[in-house]
């Protein structure tokens, strides 16, 4: 009957519980390091990057939009030339080319970080 009245509080409770557990565990770990005299810099060791975040965002966003555009073009071509259903051609090609664009963005970001 009114299952949404039960599901929604459970859903938000689970989200709250995960966030609370994450932050409380992180706080306990850092307090234990402070008690032992070790700095908390070890948590930030792998997060340093040479390239600014806005460059990485713009690169990945531009490649994503380009991939979506190419996917729409290829989907339209497959629909018109090969007679494939539009419900199959468009989403399949859009997701495929958007994913390929994001993979390309990952490799270009790695290359950007090396420089």
PDB file of N, CA and C in Angstrom:
ATOM      1  N   UNK A   1       0.832  -1.165   0.000  1.00  0.00           N
ATOM      2  CA  UNK A   1       0.000   0.000   0.000  1.00  0.00           C
ATOM      3  C   UNK A   1       0.878   1.229   0.000  1.00  0.00           C
ATOM      4  N   UNK A   2       1.143   1.947   0.909  1.00  0.00           N
ATOM      5  CA  UNK A   2       1.950   3.164   0.862  1.00  0.00           C
ATOM      6  C   UNK A   2       3.431   2.817   1.085  1.00  0.00           C
ATOM      7  N   UNK A   3       3.974   2.084   0.133  1.00  0.00           N
ATOM      8  CA  UNK A   3       5.355   1.627   0.288  1.00  0.00           C
ATOM      9  C   UNK A   3       6.351   2.771   0.179  1.00  0.00           C
ATOM     10  N   UNK A   4       6.008   3.851  -0.536  1.00  0.00           N
ATOM     11  CA  UNK A   4       6.949   4.968  -0.644  1.00  0.00           C
ATOM     12  C   UNK A   4       7.162   5.638   0.705  1.00  0.00           C
ATOM     13  N   UNK A   5       6.196   5.496   1.609  1.00  0.00           N
ATOM     14  CA  UNK A   5       6.368   6.058   2.941  1.00  0.00           C
ATOM     15  C   UNK A   5       7.396   5.275   3.739  1.00  0.00           C
ATOM     16  N   UNK A   6       7.619   4.050   3.384  1.00  0.00           N
ATOM     17  CA  UNK A   6       8.608   3.221   4.076  1.00  0.00           C
ATOM     18  C   UNK A   6       9.949   3.278   3.363  1.00  0.00           C
ATOM     19  N   UNK A   7       9.930   3.263   2.042  1.00  0.00           N
ATOM     20  CA  UNK A   7      11.162   3.173   1.258  1.00  0.00           C
ATOM     21  C   UNK A   7      11.987   4.452   1.347  1.00  0.00           C
ATOM     22  N   UNK A   8      11.353   5.601   1.234  1.00  0.00           N
ATOM     23  CA  UNK A   8      12.103   6.860   1.219  1.00  0.00           C
ATOM     24  C   UNK A   8      12.874   7.123   2.523  1.00  0.00           C
ATOM     25  N   UNK A   9      12.282   6.956   3.710  1.00  0.00           N
ATOM     26  CA  UNK A   9      13.096   7.141   4.930  1.00  0.00           C
ATOM     27  C   UNK A   9      14.230   6.126   5.040  1.00  0.00           C
ATOM     28  N   UNK A  10      13.986   4.904   4.585  1.00  0.00           N
ATOM     29  CA  UNK A  10      15.052   3.899   4.617  1.00  0.00           C
ATOM     30  C   UNK A  10      16.177   4.310   3.673  1.00  0.00           C
ATOM     31  N   UNK A  11      15.827   4.784   2.485  1.00  0.00           N
ATOM     32  CA  UNK A  11      16.830   5.217   1.515  1.00  0.00           C
ATOM     33  C   UNK A  11      17.678   6.361   2.082  1.00  0.00           C
ATOM     34  N   UNK A  12      17.020   7.385   2.614  1.00  0.00           N
ATOM     35  CA  UNK A  12      17.772   8.509   3.174  1.00  0.00           C
ATOM     36  C   UNK A  12      18.551   8.098   4.418  1.00  0.00           C
ATOM     37  N   UNK A  13      18.030   7.160   5.185  1.00  0.00           N
ATOM     38  CA  UNK A  13      18.751   6.660   6.346  1.00  0.00           C
ATOM     39  C   UNK A  13      20.025   5.926   5.956  1.00  0.00           C
ATOM     40  N   UNK A  14      19.958   5.143   4.897  1.00  0.00           N
ATOM     41  CA  UNK A  14      21.141   4.431   4.417  1.00  0.00           C
ATOM     42  C   UNK A  14      22.194   5.422   3.919  1.00  0.00           C
ATOM     43  N   UNK A  15      21.771   6.439   3.163  1.00  0.00           N
ATOM     44  CA  UNK A  15      22.712   7.452   2.678  1.00  0.00           C
ATOM     45  C   UNK A  15      23.356   8.175   3.852  1.00  0.00           C
ATOM     46  N   UNK A  16      22.549   8.578   4.831  1.00  0.00           N
ATOM     47  CA  UNK A  16      23.093   9.249   6.011  1.00  0.00           C
ATOM     48  C   UNK A  16      24.063   8.335   6.764  1.00  0.00           C
ATOM     49  N   UNK A  17      23.706   7.063   6.894  1.00  0.00           N
ATOM     50  CA  UNK A  17      24.568   6.126   7.608  1.00  0.00           C
ATOM     51  C   UNK A  17      25.916   5.936   6.917  1.00  0.00           C
ATOM     52  N   UNK A  18      25.922   5.857   5.610  1.00  0.00           N
ATOM     53  CA  UNK A  18      27.178   5.696   4.881  1.00  0.00           C
ATOM     54  C   UNK A  18      28.058   6.929   5.052  1.00  0.00           C
ATOM     55  N   UNK A  19      27.469   8.108   4.927  1.00  0.00           N
ATOM     56  CA  UNK A  19      28.238   9.344   5.075  1.00  0.00           C
ATOM     57  C   UNK A  19      28.762   9.483   6.500  1.00  0.00           C
ATOM     58  N   UNK A  20      27.910   9.193   7.489  1.00  0.00           N
ATOM     59  CA  UNK A  20      28.337   9.284   8.888  1.00  0.00           C
ATOM     60  C   UNK A  20      29.466   8.304   9.179  1.00  0.00           C
ATOM     61  N   UNK A  21      29.342   7.096   8.690  1.00  0.00           N
ATOM     62  CA  UNK A  21      30.379   6.091   8.919  1.00  0.00           C
ATOM     63  C   UNK A  21      31.694   6.502   8.264  1.00  0.00           C
ATOM     64  N   UNK A  22      31.628   7.059   7.075  1.00  0.00           N
ATOM     65  CA  UNK A  22      32.840   7.494   6.379  1.00  0.00           C
ATOM     66  C   UNK A  22      33.569   8.567   7.172  1.00  0.00           C
ATOM     67  N   UNK A  23      32.846   9.609   7.588  1.00  0.00           N
ATOM     68  CA  UNK A  23      33.504  10.719   8.274  1.00  0.00           C
ATOM     69  C   UNK A  23      33.935  10.351   9.688  1.00  0.00           C
ATOM     70  N   UNK A  24      33.164   9.548  10.411  1.00  0.00           N
ATOM     71  CA  UNK A  24      33.569   9.180  11.765  1.00  0.00           C
ATOM     72  C   UNK A  24      34.785   8.261  11.742  1.00  0.00           C
ATOM     73  N   UNK A  25      34.853   7.348  10.779  1.00  0.00           N
ATOM     74  CA  UNK A  25      36.019   6.464  10.669  1.00  0.00           C
ATOM     75  C   UNK A  25      37.259   7.262  10.293  1.00  0.00           C
ATOM     76  N   UNK A  26      37.107   8.196   9.366  1.00  0.00           N
ATOM     77  CA  UNK A  26      38.246   9.022   8.974  1.00  0.00           C
ATOM     78  C   UNK A  26      38.744   9.855  10.145  1.00  0.00           C
ATOM     79  N   UNK A  27      37.826  10.371  10.944  1.00  0.00           N
ATOM     80  CA  UNK A  27      38.221  11.166  12.101  1.00  0.00           C
ATOM     81  C   UNK A  27      38.964  10.293  13.121  1.00  0.00           C
ATOM     82  N   UNK A  28      38.481   9.083  13.372  1.00  0.00           N
ATOM     83  CA  UNK A  28      39.143   8.191  14.323  1.00  0.00           C
ATOM     84  C   UNK A  28      40.542   7.803  13.844  1.00  0.00           C
ATOM     85  N   UNK A  29      40.702   7.548  12.557  1.00  0.00           N
ATOM     86  CA  UNK A  29      42.020   7.210  12.028  1.00  0.00           C
ATOM     87  C   UNK A  29      42.991   8.368  12.211  1.00  0.00           C
ATOM     88  N   UNK A  30      42.542   9.569  11.915  1.00  0.00           N
ATOM     89  CA  UNK A  30      43.427  10.727  12.040  1.00  0.00           C
ATOM     90  C   UNK A  30      43.757  11.029  13.495  1.00  0.00           C
ATOM     91  N   UNK A  31      42.799  10.835  14.389  1.00  0.00           N
ATOM     92  CA  UNK A  31      43.081  11.047  15.815  1.00  0.00           C
ATOM     93  C   UNK A  31      44.093  10.022  16.315  1.00  0.00           C
ATOM     94  N   UNK A  32      43.997   8.784  15.838  1.00  0.00           N
ATOM     95  CA  UNK A  32      44.968   7.763  16.230  1.00  0.00           C
ATOM     96  C   UNK A  32      46.360   8.116  15.708  1.00  0.00           C
ATOM     97  N   UNK A  33      46.456   8.675  14.512  1.00  0.00           N
ATOM     98  CA  UNK A  33      47.754   9.100  13.983  1.00  0.00           C
ATOM     99  C   UNK A  33      48.333  10.257  14.792  1.00  0.00           C
ATOM    100  N   UNK A  34      47.484  11.177  15.200  1.00  0.00           N
ATOM    101  CA  UNK A  34      47.964  12.310  15.998  1.00  0.00           C
ATOM    102  C   UNK A  34      48.469  11.822  17.343  1.00  0.00           C
ATOM    103  N   UNK A  35      47.779  10.856  17.947  1.00  0.00           N
ATOM    104  CA  UNK A  35      48.215  10.318  19.235  1.00  0.00           C
ATOM    105  C   UNK A  35      49.565   9.626  19.121  1.00  0.00           C
ATOM    106  N   UNK A  36      49.829   8.988  17.980  1.00  0.00           N
ATOM    107  CA  UNK A  36      51.113   8.311  17.787  1.00  0.00           C
ATOM    108  C   UNK A  36      52.210   9.271  17.344  1.00  0.00           C
ATOM    109  N   UNK A  37      51.848  10.488  17.010  1.00  0.00           N
ATOM    110  CA  UNK A  37      52.833  11.472  16.592  1.00  0.00           C
ATOM    111  C   UNK A  37      53.104  11.485  15.100  1.00  0.00           C
ATOM    112  N   UNK A  38      52.318  10.780  14.333  1.00  0.00           N
ATOM    113  CA  UNK A  38      52.478  10.746  12.887  1.00  0.00           C
ATOM    114  C   UNK A  38      51.537  11.785  12.287  1.00  0.00           C
ATOM    115  N   UNK A  39      52.024  12.502  11.278  1.00  0.00           N
ATOM    116  CA  UNK A  39      51.193  13.507  10.628  1.00  0.00           C
ATOM    117  C   UNK A  39      50.162  12.878   9.705  1.00  0.00           C
ATOM    118  N   UNK A  40      49.135  13.629   9.374  1.00  0.00           N
ATOM    119  CA  UNK A  40      48.073  13.130   8.500  1.00  0.00           C
ATOM    120  C   UNK A  40      48.374  13.419   7.038  1.00  0.00           C
ATOM    121  N   UNK A  41      49.614  13.773   6.708  1.00  0.00           N
ATOM    122  CA  UNK A  41      49.974  14.072   5.331  1.00  0.00           C
ATOM    123  C   UNK A  41      49.938  12.831   4.443  1.00  0.00           C
ATOM    124  N   UNK A  42      49.980  11.651   5.052  1.00  0.00           N
ATOM    125  CA  UNK A  42      49.976  10.433   4.237  1.00  0.00           C
ATOM    126  C   UNK A  42      48.671  10.264   3.478  1.00  0.00           C
ATOM    127  N   UNK A  43      47.591  10.891   3.934  1.00  0.00           N
ATOM    128  CA  UNK A  43      46.319  10.784   3.229  1.00  0.00           C
ATOM    129  C   UNK A  43      46.306  11.620   1.962  1.00  0.00           C
ATOM    130  N   UNK A  44      47.129  12.649   1.892  1.00  0.00           N
ATOM    131  CA  UNK A  44      47.154  13.542   0.743  1.00  0.00           C
ATOM    132  C   UNK A  44      48.299  13.231  -0.214  1.00  0.00           C
ATOM    133  N   UNK A  45      48.990  12.135  -0.010  1.00  0.00           N
ATOM    134  CA  UNK A  45      50.172  11.824  -0.806  1.00  0.00           C
ATOM    135  C   UNK A  45      49.850  11.592  -2.279  1.00  0.00           C
ATOM    136  N   UNK A  46      48.817  10.861  -2.605  1.00  0.00           N
ATOM    137  CA  UNK A  46      48.509  10.525  -3.988  1.00  0.00           C
ATOM    138  C   UNK A  46      47.612  11.521  -4.689  1.00  0.00           C
ATOM    139  N   UNK A  47      47.236  12.603  -4.046  1.00  0.00           N
ATOM    140  CA  UNK A  47      46.267  13.526  -4.626  1.00  0.00           C
ATOM    141  C   UNK A  47      46.905  14.730  -5.298  1.00  0.00           C
ATOM    142  N   UNK A  48      48.210  14.800  -5.354  1.00  0.00           N
ATOM    143  CA  UNK A  48      48.839  15.966  -5.938  1.00  0.00           C
ATOM    144  C   UNK A  48      48.956  15.799  -7.445  1.00  0.00           C
ATOM    145  N   UNK A  49      48.542  16.828  -8.163  1.00  0.00           N
ATOM    146  CA  UNK A  49      48.542  16.803  -9.608  1.00  0.00           C
ATOM    147  C   UNK A  49      49.196  18.068 -10.123  1.00  0.00           C
ATOM    148  N   UNK A  50      49.898  17.945 -11.249  1.00  0.00           N
ATOM    149  CA  UNK A  50      50.569  19.107 -11.819  1.00  0.00           C
ATOM    150  C   UNK A  50      49.601  20.011 -12.569  1.00  0.00           C
ATOM    151  N   UNK A  51      48.580  19.443 -13.157  1.00  0.00           N
ATOM    152  CA  UNK A  51      47.658  20.230 -13.979  1.00  0.00           C
ATOM    153  C   UNK A  51      46.511  20.762 -13.120  1.00  0.00           C
ATOM    154  N   UNK A  52      46.068  21.992 -13.409  1.00  0.00           N
ATOM    155  CA  UNK A  52      44.934  22.543 -12.664  1.00  0.00           C
ATOM    156  C   UNK A  52      43.656  21.768 -12.951  1.00  0.00           C
ATOM    157  N   UNK A  53      42.757  21.773 -11.991  1.00  0.00           N
ATOM    158  CA  UNK A  53      41.518  21.013 -12.129  1.00  0.00           C
ATOM    159  C   UNK A  53      40.621  21.513 -13.240  1.00  0.00           C
ATOM    160  N   UNK A  54      40.636  22.807 -13.501  1.00  0.00           N
ATOM    161  CA  UNK A  54      39.756  23.347 -14.537  1.00  0.00           C
ATOM    162  C   UNK A  54      40.169  22.866 -15.918  1.00  0.00           C
ATOM    163  N   UNK A  55      41.471  22.656 -16.133  1.00  0.00           N
ATOM    164  CA  UNK A  55      41.925  22.160 -17.441  1.00  0.00           C
ATOM    165  C   UNK A  55      41.430  20.730 -17.667  1.00  0.00           C
ATOM    166  N   UNK A  56      41.510  19.924 -16.644  1.00  0.00           N
ATOM    167  CA  UNK A  56      41.060  18.534 -16.746  1.00  0.00           C
ATOM    168  C   UNK A  56      39.552  18.496 -16.980  1.00  0.00           C
ATOM    169  N   UNK A  57      38.799  19.336 -16.261  1.00  0.00           N
ATOM    170  CA  UNK A  57      37.348  19.375 -16.424  1.00  0.00           C
ATOM    171  C   UNK A  57      36.960  19.817 -17.827  1.00  0.00           C
ATOM    172  N   UNK A  58      37.591  20.877 -18.312  1.00  0.00           N
ATOM    173  CA  UNK A  58      37.257  21.389 -19.639  1.00  0.00           C
ATOM    174  C   UNK A  58      37.613  20.354 -20.705  1.00  0.00           C
ATOM    175  N   UNK A  59      38.760  19.702 -20.574  1.00  0.00           N
ATOM    176  CA  UNK A  59      39.164  18.682 -21.543  1.00  0.00           C
ATOM    177  C   UNK A  59      38.162  17.536 -21.579  1.00  0.00           C
ATOM    178  N   UNK A  60      37.811  17.002 -20.414  1.00  0.00           N
ATOM    179  CA  UNK A  60      36.886  15.866 -20.369  1.00  0.00           C
ATOM    180  C   UNK A  60      35.483  16.268 -20.812  1.00  0.00           C
ATOM    181  N   UNK A  61      35.038  17.461 -20.439  1.00  0.00           N
ATOM    182  CA  UNK A  61      33.706  17.910 -20.833  1.00  0.00           C
ATOM    183  C   UNK A  61      33.622  18.132 -22.336  1.00  0.00           C
ATOM    184  N   UNK A  62      34.679  18.722 -22.906  1.00  0.00           N
ATOM    185  CA  UNK A  62      34.693  18.943 -24.355  1.00  0.00           C
ATOM    186  C   UNK A  62      34.710  17.621 -25.105  1.00  0.00           C
ATOM    187  N   UNK A  63      35.498  16.677 -24.640  1.00  0.00           N
ATOM    188  CA  UNK A  63      35.532  15.367 -25.300  1.00  0.00           C
ATOM    189  C   UNK A  63      34.206  14.630 -25.146  1.00  0.00           C
ATOM    190  N   UNK A  64      33.547  14.774 -23.989  1.00  0.00           N
ATOM    191  CA  UNK A  64      32.256  14.134 -23.788  1.00  0.00           C
ATOM    192  C   UNK A  64      31.216  14.696 -24.755  1.00  0.00           C
ATOM    193  N   UNK A  65      31.162  16.020 -24.881  1.00  0.00           N
ATOM    194  CA  UNK A  65      30.199  16.620 -25.801  1.00  0.00           C
ATOM    195  C   UNK A  65      30.511  16.255 -27.247  1.00  0.00           C
ATOM    196  N   UNK A  66      31.794  16.185 -27.578  1.00  0.00           N
ATOM    197  CA  UNK A  66      32.178  15.774 -28.928  1.00  0.00           C
ATOM    198  C   UNK A  66      31.762  14.323 -29.184  1.00  0.00           C
ATOM    199  N   UNK A  67      31.967  13.467 -28.201  1.00  0.00           N
ATOM    200  CA  UNK A  67      31.562  12.071 -28.334  1.00  0.00           C
ATOM    201  C   UNK A  67      30.063  11.917 -28.488  1.00  0.00           C
ATOM    202  N   UNK A  68      29.299  12.729 -27.765  1.00  0.00           N
ATOM    203  CA  UNK A  68      27.839  12.677 -27.904  1.00  0.00           C
ATOM    204  C   UNK A  68      27.434  13.143 -29.298  1.00  0.00           C
ATOM    205  N   UNK A  69      28.075  14.200 -29.800  1.00  0.00           N
ATOM    206  CA  UNK A  69      27.770  14.682 -31.150  1.00  0.00           C
ATOM    207  C   UNK A  69      28.090  13.657 -32.217  1.00  0.00           C
ATOM    208  N   UNK A  70      29.235  13.025 -32.095  1.00  0.00           N
ATOM    209  CA  UNK A  70      29.611  11.985 -33.064  1.00  0.00           C
ATOM    210  C   UNK A  70      28.642  10.803 -32.953  1.00  0.00           C
ATOM    211  N   UNK A  71      28.223  10.480 -31.721  1.00  0.00           N
ATOM    212  CA  UNK A  71      27.265   9.387 -31.530  1.00  0.00           C
ATOM    213  C   UNK A  71      25.926   9.677 -32.176  1.00  0.00           C
ATOM    214  N   UNK A  72      25.463  10.932 -32.083  1.00  0.00           N
ATOM    215  CA  UNK A  72      24.208  11.298 -32.734  1.00  0.00           C
ATOM    216  C   UNK A  72      24.352  11.193 -34.250  1.00  0.00           C
ATOM    217  N   UNK A  73      25.480  11.664 -34.762  1.00  0.00           N
ATOM    218  CA  UNK A  73      25.718  11.582 -36.205  1.00  0.00           C
ATOM    219  C   UNK A  73      25.763  10.134 -36.686  1.00  0.00           C
ATOM    220  N   UNK A  74      26.502   9.294 -35.986  1.00  0.00           N
ATOM    221  CA  UNK A  74      26.612   7.882 -36.382  1.00  0.00           C
ATOM    222  C   UNK A  74      25.269   7.174 -36.216  1.00  0.00           C
ATOM    223  N   UNK A  75      24.541   7.499 -35.155  1.00  0.00           N
ATOM    224  CA  UNK A  75      23.224   6.899 -34.965  1.00  0.00           C
ATOM    225  C   UNK A  75      22.263   7.271 -36.081  1.00  0.00           C
ATOM    226  N   UNK A  76      22.291   8.535 -36.494  1.00  0.00           N
ATOM    227  CA  UNK A  76      21.454   8.958 -37.614  1.00  0.00           C
ATOM    228  C   UNK A  76      21.847   8.281 -38.904  1.00  0.00           C
ATOM    229  N   UNK A  77      23.151   8.130 -39.101  1.00  0.00           N
ATOM    230  CA  UNK A  77      23.634   7.444 -40.304  1.00  0.00           C
ATOM    231  C   UNK A  77      23.199   5.977 -40.302  1.00  0.00           C
ATOM    232  N   UNK A  78      23.324   5.315 -39.168  1.00  0.00           N
ATOM    233  CA  UNK A  78      22.911   3.909 -39.096  1.00  0.00           C
ATOM    234  C   UNK A  78      21.404   3.769 -39.293  1.00  0.00           C
ATOM    235  N   UNK A  79      20.654   4.751 -38.818  1.00  0.00           N
ATOM    236  CA  UNK A  79      19.201   4.701 -38.979  1.00  0.00           C
ATOM    237  C   UNK A  79      18.799   4.914 -40.437  1.00  0.00           C
ATOM    238  N   UNK A  80      19.423   5.861 -41.102  1.00  0.00           N
ATOM    239  CA  UNK A  80      19.033   6.180 -42.473  1.00  0.00           C
ATOM    240  C   UNK A  80      19.579   5.183 -43.496  1.00  0.00           C
ATOM    241  N   UNK A  81      20.851   4.833 -43.380  1.00  0.00           N
ATOM    242  CA  UNK A  81      21.480   3.987 -44.402  1.00  0.00           C
ATOM    243  C   UNK A  81      21.169   2.512 -44.182  1.00  0.00           C
ATOM    244  N   UNK A  82      21.347   2.041 -42.948  1.00  0.00           N
ATOM    245  CA  UNK A  82      21.181   0.616 -42.689  1.00  0.00           C
ATOM    246  C   UNK A  82      19.766   0.235 -42.265  1.00  0.00           C
ATOM    247  N   UNK A  83      18.905   1.219 -42.034  1.00  0.00           N
ATOM    248  CA  UNK A  83      17.527   0.933 -41.658  1.00  0.00           C
ATOM    249  C   UNK A  83      17.366   0.401 -40.250  1.00  0.00           C
ATOM    250  N   UNK A  84      18.333   0.652 -39.388  1.00  0.00           N
ATOM    251  CA  UNK A  84      18.261   0.210 -37.999  1.00  0.00           C
ATOM    252  C   UNK A  84      17.238   1.058 -37.251  1.00  0.00           C
ATOM    253  N   UNK A  85      16.533   0.483 -36.315  1.00  0.00           N
ATOM    254  CA  UNK A  85      15.542   1.236 -35.541  1.00  0.00           C
ATOM    255  C   UNK A  85      16.213   2.403 -34.821  1.00  0.00           C
ATOM    256  N   UNK A  86      15.518   3.525 -34.780  1.00  0.00           N
ATOM    257  CA  UNK A  86      16.068   4.716 -34.126  1.00  0.00           C
ATOM    258  C   UNK A  86      16.229   4.499 -32.623  1.00  0.00           C
ATOM    259  N   UNK A  87      15.352   3.680 -32.021  1.00  0.00           N
ATOM    260  CA  UNK A  87      15.432   3.420 -30.584  1.00  0.00           C
ATOM    261  C   UNK A  87      16.674   2.610 -30.218  1.00  0.00           C
ATOM    262  N   UNK A  88      17.257   1.949 -31.190  1.00  0.00           N
ATOM    263  CA  UNK A  88      18.472   1.168 -30.955  1.00  0.00           C
ATOM    264  C   UNK A  88      19.696   1.939 -31.412  1.00  0.00           C
ATOM    265  N   UNK A  89      19.612   2.569 -32.566  1.00  0.00           N
ATOM    266  CA  UNK A  89      20.786   3.214 -33.166  1.00  0.00           C
ATOM    267  C   UNK A  89      21.258   4.409 -32.359  1.00  0.00           C
ATOM    268  N   UNK A  90      20.356   5.284 -31.975  1.00  0.00           N
ATOM    269  CA  UNK A  90      20.768   6.513 -31.308  1.00  0.00           C
ATOM    270  C   UNK A  90      21.346   6.288 -29.907  1.00  0.00           C
ATOM    271  N   UNK A  91      20.636   5.621 -28.987  1.00  0.00           N
ATOM    272  CA  UNK A  91      21.235   5.443 -27.656  1.00  0.00           C
ATOM    273  C   UNK A  91      22.507   4.606 -27.676  1.00  0.00           C
ATOM    274  N   UNK A  92      22.516   3.571 -28.504  1.00  0.00           N
ATOM    275  CA  UNK A  92      23.707   2.719 -28.557  1.00  0.00           C
ATOM    276  C   UNK A  92      24.932   3.469 -29.028  1.00  0.00           C
ATOM    277  N   UNK A  93      24.769   4.233 -30.098  1.00  0.00           N
ATOM    278  CA  UNK A  93      25.939   4.958 -30.608  1.00  0.00           C
ATOM    279  C   UNK A  93      26.315   6.134 -29.715  1.00  0.00           C
ATOM    280  N   UNK A  94      25.346   6.798 -29.112  1.00  0.00           N
ATOM    281  CA  UNK A  94      25.666   7.927 -28.225  1.00  0.00           C
ATOM    282  C   UNK A  94      26.459   7.437 -27.022  1.00  0.00           C
ATOM    283  N   UNK A  95      25.986   6.379 -26.358  1.00  0.00           N
ATOM    284  CA  UNK A  95      26.703   5.880 -25.186  1.00  0.00           C
ATOM    285  C   UNK A  95      28.076   5.308 -25.557  1.00  0.00           C
ATOM    286  N   UNK A  96      28.161   4.651 -26.701  1.00  0.00           N
ATOM    287  CA  UNK A  96      29.437   4.087 -27.124  1.00  0.00           C
ATOM    288  C   UNK A  96      30.465   5.181 -27.379  1.00  0.00           C
ATOM    289  N   UNK A  97      30.091   6.188 -28.151  1.00  0.00           N
ATOM    290  CA  UNK A  97      31.046   7.236 -28.479  1.00  0.00           C
ATOM    291  C   UNK A  97      31.322   8.165 -27.295  1.00  0.00           C
ATOM    292  N   UNK A  98      30.355   8.371 -26.418  1.00  0.00           N
ATOM    293  CA  UNK A  98      30.610   9.160 -25.208  1.00  0.00           C
ATOM    294  C   UNK A  98      31.590   8.420 -24.302  1.00  0.00           C
ATOM    295  N   UNK A  99      31.432   7.115 -24.176  1.00  0.00           N
ATOM    296  CA  UNK A  99      32.374   6.327 -23.377  1.00  0.00           C
ATOM    297  C   UNK A  99      33.768   6.318 -23.974  1.00  0.00           C
ATOM    298  N   UNK A 100      33.862   6.185 -25.279  1.00  0.00           N
ATOM    299  CA  UNK A 100      35.177   6.235 -25.927  1.00  0.00           C
ATOM    300  C   UNK A 100      35.830   7.603 -25.744  1.00  0.00           C
ATOM    301  N   UNK A 101      35.024   8.671 -25.790  1.00  0.00           N
ATOM    302  CA  UNK A 101      35.565  10.008 -25.584  1.00  0.00           C
ATOM    303  C   UNK A 101      36.084  10.179 -24.163  1.00  0.00           C
ATOM    304  N   UNK A 102      35.395   9.605 -23.183  1.00  0.00           N
ATOM    305  CA  UNK A 102      35.871   9.709 -21.798  1.00  0.00           C
ATOM    306  C   UNK A 102      37.134   8.886 -21.567  1.00  0.00           C
ATOM    307  N   UNK A 103      37.240   7.744 -22.228  1.00  0.00           N
ATOM    308  CA  UNK A 103      38.484   6.961 -22.136  1.00  0.00           C
ATOM    309  C   UNK A 103      39.640   7.746 -22.759  1.00  0.00           C
ATOM    310  N   UNK A 104      39.389   8.372 -23.903  1.00  0.00           N
ATOM    311  CA  UNK A 104      40.405   9.218 -24.521  1.00  0.00           C
ATOM    312  C   UNK A 104      40.770  10.377 -23.596  1.00  0.00           C
ATOM    313  N   UNK A 105      39.781  10.964 -22.937  1.00  0.00           N
ATOM    314  CA  UNK A 105      40.044  12.041 -21.981  1.00  0.00           C
ATOM    315  C   UNK A 105      40.893  11.578 -20.814  1.00  0.00           C
ATOM    316  N   UNK A 106      40.693  10.335 -20.367  1.00  0.00           N
ATOM    317  CA  UNK A 106      41.507   9.792 -19.283  1.00  0.00           C
ATOM    318  C   UNK A 106      42.973   9.723 -19.698  1.00  0.00           C
ATOM    319  N   UNK A 107      43.228   9.212 -20.895  1.00  0.00           N
ATOM    320  CA  UNK A 107      44.608   9.104 -21.351  1.00  0.00           C
ATOM    321  C   UNK A 107      45.228  10.468 -21.616  1.00  0.00           C
ATOM    322  N   UNK A 108      44.459  11.400 -22.135  1.00  0.00           N
ATOM    323  CA  UNK A 108      44.994  12.750 -22.349  1.00  0.00           C
ATOM    324  C   UNK A 108      45.259  13.461 -21.025  1.00  0.00           C
ATOM    325  N   UNK A 109      44.441  13.199 -20.014  1.00  0.00           N
ATOM    326  CA  UNK A 109      44.676  13.771 -18.687  1.00  0.00           C
ATOM    327  C   UNK A 109      45.937  13.210 -18.069  1.00  0.00           C
ATOM    328  N   UNK A 110      46.180  11.896 -18.249  1.00  0.00           N
ATOM    329  CA  UNK A 110      47.424  11.309 -17.758  1.00  0.00           C
ATOM    330  C   UNK A 110      48.621  11.947 -18.436  1.00  0.00           C
ATOM    331  N   UNK A 111      48.505  12.174 -19.736  1.00  0.00           N
ATOM    332  CA  UNK A 111      49.581  12.808 -20.479  1.00  0.00           C
ATOM    333  C   UNK A 111      49.781  14.250 -20.013  1.00  0.00           C
ATOM    334  N   UNK A 112      48.696  14.938 -19.711  1.00  0.00           N
ATOM    335  CA  UNK A 112      48.758  16.314 -19.215  1.00  0.00           C
ATOM    336  C   UNK A 112      49.426  16.378 -17.857  1.00  0.00           C
ATOM    337  N   UNK A 113      49.193  15.358 -17.008  1.00  0.00           N
ATOM    338  CA  UNK A 113      49.815  15.329 -15.682  1.00  0.00           C
ATOM    339  C   UNK A 113      51.314  15.069 -15.764  1.00  0.00           C
ATOM    340  N   UNK A 114      51.765  14.315 -16.761  1.00  0.00           N
ATOM    341  CA  UNK A 114      53.192  14.036 -16.898  1.00  0.00           C
ATOM    342  C   UNK A 114      53.992  15.268 -17.298  1.00  0.00           C
ATOM    343  N   UNK A 115      53.361  16.182 -18.009  1.00  0.00           N
ATOM    344  CA  UNK A 115      54.058  17.377 -18.490  1.00  0.00           C
ATOM    345  C   UNK A 115      54.221  18.416 -17.444  1.00  0.00           C
TER     346      UNK A 115
END
